Amino acid sequence: KTPMPTVMNALQIGTDSEGGYLVP
């Protein structure tokens, strides 16, 4: 529910335009 900031940073490359994340 509240991921660590390091997790958020690692997923920046997969952020889509609607606030979701592209799957691996």
PDB file of all heavy atoms in Angstrom:
ATOM      1  N   LYS A   1       0.831  -1.207   0.000  1.00  0.00           N
ATOM      2  CA  LYS A   1       0.000   0.000   0.000  1.00  0.00           C
ATOM      3  C   LYS A   1       0.860   1.249   0.000  1.00  0.00           C
ATOM      4  O   LYS A   1       0.538   2.251  -0.643  1.00  0.00           O
ATOM      5  CB  LYS A   1      -0.921  -0.013   1.228  1.00  0.00           C
ATOM      6  CG  LYS A   1      -1.906   1.148   1.269  1.00  0.00           C
ATOM      7  CD  LYS A   1      -2.855   1.017   2.440  1.00  0.00           C
ATOM      8  CE  LYS A   1      -3.870   2.160   2.460  1.00  0.00           C
ATOM      9  NZ  LYS A   1      -4.820   2.040   3.599  1.00  0.00           N
ATOM     10  N   THR A   2       1.967   1.216   0.737  1.00  0.00           N
ATOM     11  CA  THR A   2       2.882   2.363   0.802  1.00  0.00           C
ATOM     12  C   THR A   2       4.299   1.894   0.482  1.00  0.00           C
ATOM     13  O   THR A   2       5.095   1.607   1.379  1.00  0.00           O
ATOM     14  CB  THR A   2       2.854   3.011   2.206  1.00  0.00           C
ATOM     15  OG1 THR A   2       3.109   2.002   3.186  1.00  0.00           O
ATOM     16  CG2 THR A   2       1.502   3.656   2.455  1.00  0.00           C
ATOM     17  N   PRO A   3       4.628   1.753  -0.787  1.00  0.00           N
ATOM     18  CA  PRO A   3       5.946   1.237  -1.172  1.00  0.00           C
ATOM     19  C   PRO A   3       7.068   2.183  -0.782  1.00  0.00           C
ATOM     20  O   PRO A   3       6.879   3.387  -0.634  1.00  0.00           O
ATOM     21  CB  PRO A   3       5.829   1.104  -2.694  1.00  0.00           C
ATOM     22  CG  PRO A   3       4.778   2.082  -3.076  1.00  0.00           C
ATOM     23  CD  PRO A   3       3.806   2.116  -1.952  1.00  0.00           C
ATOM     24  N   MET A   4       8.241   1.622  -0.631  1.00  0.00           N
ATOM     25  CA  MET A   4       9.425   2.396  -0.283  1.00  0.00           C
ATOM     26  C   MET A   4       9.784   3.350  -1.433  1.00  0.00           C
ATOM     27  O   MET A   4       9.522   3.064  -2.608  1.00  0.00           O
ATOM     28  CB  MET A   4      10.601   1.457  -0.012  1.00  0.00           C
ATOM     29  CG  MET A   4      10.366   0.492   1.145  1.00  0.00           C
ATOM     30  SD  MET A   4      10.404   1.323   2.728  1.00  0.00           S
ATOM     31  CE  MET A   4      12.155   1.698   2.842  1.00  0.00           C
ATOM     32  N   PRO A   5      10.409   4.494  -1.100  1.00  0.00           N
ATOM     33  CA  PRO A   5      10.818   5.428  -2.166  1.00  0.00           C
ATOM     34  C   PRO A   5      11.738   4.792  -3.207  1.00  0.00           C
ATOM     35  O   PRO A   5      11.676   5.148  -4.385  1.00  0.00           O
ATOM     36  CB  PRO A   5      11.562   6.524  -1.376  1.00  0.00           C
ATOM     37  CG  PRO A   5      10.972   6.470  -0.003  1.00  0.00           C
ATOM     38  CD  PRO A   5      10.668   5.020   0.249  1.00  0.00           C
ATOM     39  N   THR A   6      12.570   3.840  -2.778  1.00  0.00           N
ATOM     40  CA  THR A   6      13.469   3.184  -3.746  1.00  0.00           C
ATOM     41  C   THR A   6      12.674   2.410  -4.793  1.00  0.00           C
ATOM     42  O   THR A   6      13.078   2.307  -5.950  1.00  0.00           O
ATOM     43  CB  THR A   6      14.429   2.226  -3.025  1.00  0.00           C
ATOM     44  OG1 THR A   6      13.658   1.321  -2.208  1.00  0.00           O
ATOM     45  CG2 THR A   6      15.403   2.993  -2.149  1.00  0.00           C
ATOM     46  N   VAL A   7      11.541   1.838  -4.358  1.00  0.00           N
ATOM     47  CA  VAL A   7      10.672   1.121  -5.291  1.00  0.00           C
ATOM     48  C   VAL A   7      10.078   2.097  -6.302  1.00  0.00           C
ATOM     49  O   VAL A   7      10.054   1.845  -7.513  1.00  0.00           O
ATOM     50  CB  VAL A   7       9.560   0.375  -4.528  1.00  0.00           C
ATOM     51  CG1 VAL A   7       8.549  -0.217  -5.513  1.00  0.00           C
ATOM     52  CG2 VAL A   7      10.153  -0.719  -3.655  1.00  0.00           C
ATOM     53  N   MET A   8       9.599   3.233  -5.806  1.00  0.00           N
ATOM     54  CA  MET A   8       9.008   4.236  -6.688  1.00  0.00           C
ATOM     55  C   MET A   8      10.031   4.725  -7.724  1.00  0.00           C
ATOM     56  O   MET A   8       9.716   4.864  -8.907  1.00  0.00           O
ATOM     57  CB  MET A   8       8.517   5.425  -5.855  1.00  0.00           C
ATOM     58  CG  MET A   8       7.485   5.056  -4.788  1.00  0.00           C
ATOM     59  SD  MET A   8       5.878   4.684  -5.508  1.00  0.00           S
ATOM     60  CE  MET A   8       5.357   6.313  -5.995  1.00  0.00           C
ATOM     61  N   ASN A   9      11.248   4.948  -7.261  1.00  0.00           N
ATOM     62  CA  ASN A   9      12.294   5.441  -8.157  1.00  0.00           C
ATOM     63  C   ASN A   9      12.628   4.412  -9.236  1.00  0.00           C
ATOM     64  O   ASN A   9      12.839   4.753 -10.404  1.00  0.00           O
ATOM     65  CB  ASN A   9      13.560   5.783  -7.368  1.00  0.00           C
ATOM     66  CG  ASN A   9      13.365   6.995  -6.472  1.00  0.00           C
ATOM     67  OD1 ASN A   9      12.501   7.822  -6.738  1.00  0.00           O
ATOM     68  ND2 ASN A   9      14.150   7.081  -5.407  1.00  0.00           N
ATOM     69  N   ALA A  10      12.669   3.141  -8.843  1.00  0.00           N
ATOM     70  CA  ALA A  10      13.021   2.076  -9.791  1.00  0.00           C
ATOM     71  C   ALA A  10      11.974   1.910 -10.881  1.00  0.00           C
ATOM     72  O   ALA A  10      12.269   1.418 -11.968  1.00  0.00           O
ATOM     73  CB  ALA A  10      13.219   0.757  -9.045  1.00  0.00           C
ATOM     74  N   LEU A  11      10.724   2.332 -10.588  1.00  0.00           N
ATOM     75  CA  LEU A  11       9.634   2.136 -11.549  1.00  0.00           C
ATOM     76  C   LEU A  11       9.385   3.346 -12.437  1.00  0.00           C
ATOM     77  O   LEU A  11       8.481   3.323 -13.261  1.00  0.00           O
ATOM     78  CB  LEU A  11       8.338   1.785 -10.795  1.00  0.00           C
ATOM     79  CG  LEU A  11       8.323   0.435 -10.068  1.00  0.00           C
ATOM     80  CD1 LEU A  11       6.996   0.251  -9.331  1.00  0.00           C
ATOM     81  CD2 LEU A  11       8.536  -0.726 -11.028  1.00  0.00           C
ATOM     82  N   GLN A  12      10.171   4.400 -12.277  1.00  0.00           N
ATOM     83  CA  GLN A  12       9.944   5.610 -13.060  1.00  0.00           C
ATOM     84  C   GLN A  12      10.004   5.345 -14.564  1.00  0.00           C
ATOM     85  O   GLN A  12       9.277   5.940 -15.352  1.00  0.00           O
ATOM     86  CB  GLN A  12      10.968   6.682 -12.678  1.00  0.00           C
ATOM     87  CG  GLN A  12      10.733   7.304 -11.305  1.00  0.00           C
ATOM     88  CD  GLN A  12       9.353   7.943 -11.187  1.00  0.00           C
ATOM     89  OE1 GLN A  12       8.951   8.711 -12.054  1.00  0.00           O
ATOM     90  NE2 GLN A  12       8.624   7.595 -10.138  1.00  0.00           N
ATOM     91  N   ILE A  13      10.880   4.437 -14.984  1.00  0.00           N
ATOM     92  CA  ILE A  13      11.029   4.146 -16.418  1.00  0.00           C
ATOM     93  C   ILE A  13       9.789   3.496 -17.004  1.00  0.00           C
ATOM     94  O   ILE A  13       9.600   3.491 -18.219  1.00  0.00           O
ATOM     95  CB  ILE A  13      12.245   3.223 -16.671  1.00  0.00           C
ATOM     96  CG1 ILE A  13      12.129   1.948 -15.830  1.00  0.00           C
ATOM     97  CG2 ILE A  13      13.536   3.950 -16.406  1.00  0.00           C
ATOM     98  CD1 ILE A  13      13.192   0.930 -16.132  1.00  0.00           C
ATOM     99  N   GLY A  14       8.925   2.947 -16.139  1.00  0.00           N
ATOM    100  CA  GLY A  14       7.732   2.261 -16.634  1.00  0.00           C
ATOM    101  C   GLY A  14       6.440   2.972 -16.329  1.00  0.00           C
ATOM    102  O   GLY A  14       5.357   2.401 -16.448  1.00  0.00           O
ATOM    103  N   THR A  15       6.505   4.259 -15.917  1.00  0.00           N
ATOM    104  CA  THR A  15       5.295   5.010 -15.597  1.00  0.00           C
ATOM    105  C   THR A  15       4.545   5.362 -16.871  1.00  0.00           C
ATOM    106  O   THR A  15       5.129   5.836 -17.841  1.00  0.00           O
ATOM    107  CB  THR A  15       5.644   6.309 -14.841  1.00  0.00           C
ATOM    108  OG1 THR A  15       6.425   5.976 -13.694  1.00  0.00           O
ATOM    109  CG2 THR A  15       4.379   7.037 -14.404  1.00  0.00           C
ATOM    110  N   ASP A  16       3.214   5.114 -16.881  1.00  0.00           N
ATOM    111  CA  ASP A  16       2.433   5.497 -18.051  1.00  0.00           C
ATOM    112  C   ASP A  16       1.744   6.835 -17.792  1.00  0.00           C
ATOM    113  O   ASP A  16       1.839   7.412 -16.710  1.00  0.00           O
ATOM    114  CB  ASP A  16       1.443   4.405 -18.449  1.00  0.00           C
ATOM    115  CG  ASP A  16       0.278   4.252 -17.473  1.00  0.00           C
ATOM    116  OD1 ASP A  16       0.178   5.061 -16.532  1.00  0.00           O
ATOM    117  OD2 ASP A  16      -0.519   3.325 -17.654  1.00  0.00           O
ATOM    118  N   SER A  17       1.030   7.333 -18.786  1.00  0.00           N
ATOM    119  CA  SER A  17       0.447   8.675 -18.712  1.00  0.00           C
ATOM    120  C   SER A  17      -0.722   8.769 -17.744  1.00  0.00           C
ATOM    121  O   SER A  17      -1.166   9.866 -17.420  1.00  0.00           O
ATOM    122  CB  SER A  17      -0.011   9.109 -20.112  1.00  0.00           C
ATOM    123  OG  SER A  17      -0.981   8.199 -20.619  1.00  0.00           O
ATOM    124  N   GLU A  18      -1.252   7.649 -17.280  1.00  0.00           N
ATOM    125  CA  GLU A  18      -2.429   7.660 -16.420  1.00  0.00           C
ATOM    126  C   GLU A  18      -2.107   7.244 -14.999  1.00  0.00           C
ATOM    127  O   GLU A  18      -2.989   6.884 -14.224  1.00  0.00           O
ATOM    128  CB  GLU A  18      -3.503   6.736 -17.016  1.00  0.00           C
ATOM    129  CG  GLU A  18      -3.951   7.197 -18.396  1.00  0.00           C
ATOM    130  CD  GLU A  18      -4.896   6.223 -19.062  1.00  0.00           C
ATOM    131  OE1 GLU A  18      -5.143   5.142 -18.477  1.00  0.00           O
ATOM    132  OE2 GLU A  18      -5.383   6.529 -20.152  1.00  0.00           O
ATOM    133  N   GLY A  19      -0.830   7.267 -14.636  1.00  0.00           N
ATOM    134  CA  GLY A  19      -0.451   6.982 -13.263  1.00  0.00           C
ATOM    135  C   GLY A  19      -0.231   5.520 -12.954  1.00  0.00           C
ATOM    136  O   GLY A  19       0.036   5.154 -11.808  1.00  0.00           O
ATOM    137  N   GLY A  20      -0.346   4.662 -13.950  1.00  0.00           N
ATOM    138  CA  GLY A  20      -0.090   3.238 -13.747  1.00  0.00           C
ATOM    139  C   GLY A  20       1.354   2.906 -14.096  1.00  0.00           C
ATOM    140  O   GLY A  20       2.175   3.785 -14.364  1.00  0.00           O
ATOM    141  N   TYR A  21       1.637   1.602 -14.113  1.00  0.00           N
ATOM    142  CA  TYR A  21       3.002   1.156 -14.437  1.00  0.00           C
ATOM    143  C   TYR A  21       2.936   0.065 -15.503  1.00  0.00           C
ATOM    144  O   TYR A  21       2.091  -0.839 -15.433  1.00  0.00           O
ATOM    145  CB  TYR A  21       3.712   0.627 -13.184  1.00  0.00           C
ATOM    146  CG  TYR A  21       3.949   1.695 -12.145  1.00  0.00           C
ATOM    147  CD1 TYR A  21       3.069   1.878 -11.096  1.00  0.00           C
ATOM    148  CD2 TYR A  21       5.052   2.541 -12.247  1.00  0.00           C
ATOM    149  CE1 TYR A  21       3.267   2.884 -10.152  1.00  0.00           C
ATOM    150  CE2 TYR A  21       5.269   3.545 -11.308  1.00  0.00           C
ATOM    151  CZ  TYR A  21       4.363   3.713 -10.261  1.00  0.00           C
ATOM    152  OH  TYR A  21       4.560   4.706  -9.341  1.00  0.00           O
ATOM    153  N   LEU A  22       3.819   0.182 -16.484  1.00  0.00           N
ATOM    154  CA  LEU A  22       3.895  -0.841 -17.523  1.00  0.00           C
ATOM    155  C   LEU A  22       4.457  -2.120 -16.923  1.00  0.00           C
ATOM    156  O   LEU A  22       5.392  -2.083 -16.123  1.00  0.00           O
ATOM    157  CB  LEU A  22       4.782  -0.367 -18.670  1.00  0.00           C
ATOM    158  CG  LEU A  22       4.348   0.946 -19.348  1.00  0.00           C
ATOM    159  CD1 LEU A  22       5.327   1.319 -20.444  1.00  0.00           C
ATOM    160  CD2 LEU A  22       2.942   0.832 -19.895  1.00  0.00           C
ATOM    161  N   VAL A  23       3.879  -3.257 -17.310  1.00  0.00           N
ATOM    162  CA  VAL A  23       4.302  -4.523 -16.716  1.00  0.00           C
ATOM    163  C   VAL A  23       5.694  -4.894 -17.214  1.00  0.00           C
ATOM    164  O   VAL A  23       6.102  -4.492 -18.313  1.00  0.00           O
ATOM    165  CB  VAL A  23       3.304  -5.662 -17.044  1.00  0.00           C
ATOM    166  CG1 VAL A  23       1.912  -5.327 -16.568  1.00  0.00           C
ATOM    167  CG2 VAL A  23       3.282  -5.974 -18.535  1.00  0.00           C
ATOM    168  N   PRO A  24       6.453  -5.653 -16.433  1.00  0.00           N
ATOM    169  CA  PRO A  24       7.785  -6.108 -16.881  1.00  0.00           C
ATOM    170  C   PRO A  24       7.687  -6.910 -18.178  1.00  0.00           C
ATOM    171  O   PRO A  24       6.667  -7.567 -18.440  1.00  0.00           O
ATOM    172  CB  PRO A  24       8.257  -6.984 -15.712  1.00  0.00           C
ATOM    173  CG  PRO A  24       7.476  -6.514 -14.529  1.00  0.00           C
ATOM    174  CD  PRO A  24       6.147  -6.082 -15.059  1.00  0.00           C
TER     175      PRO A  24
END
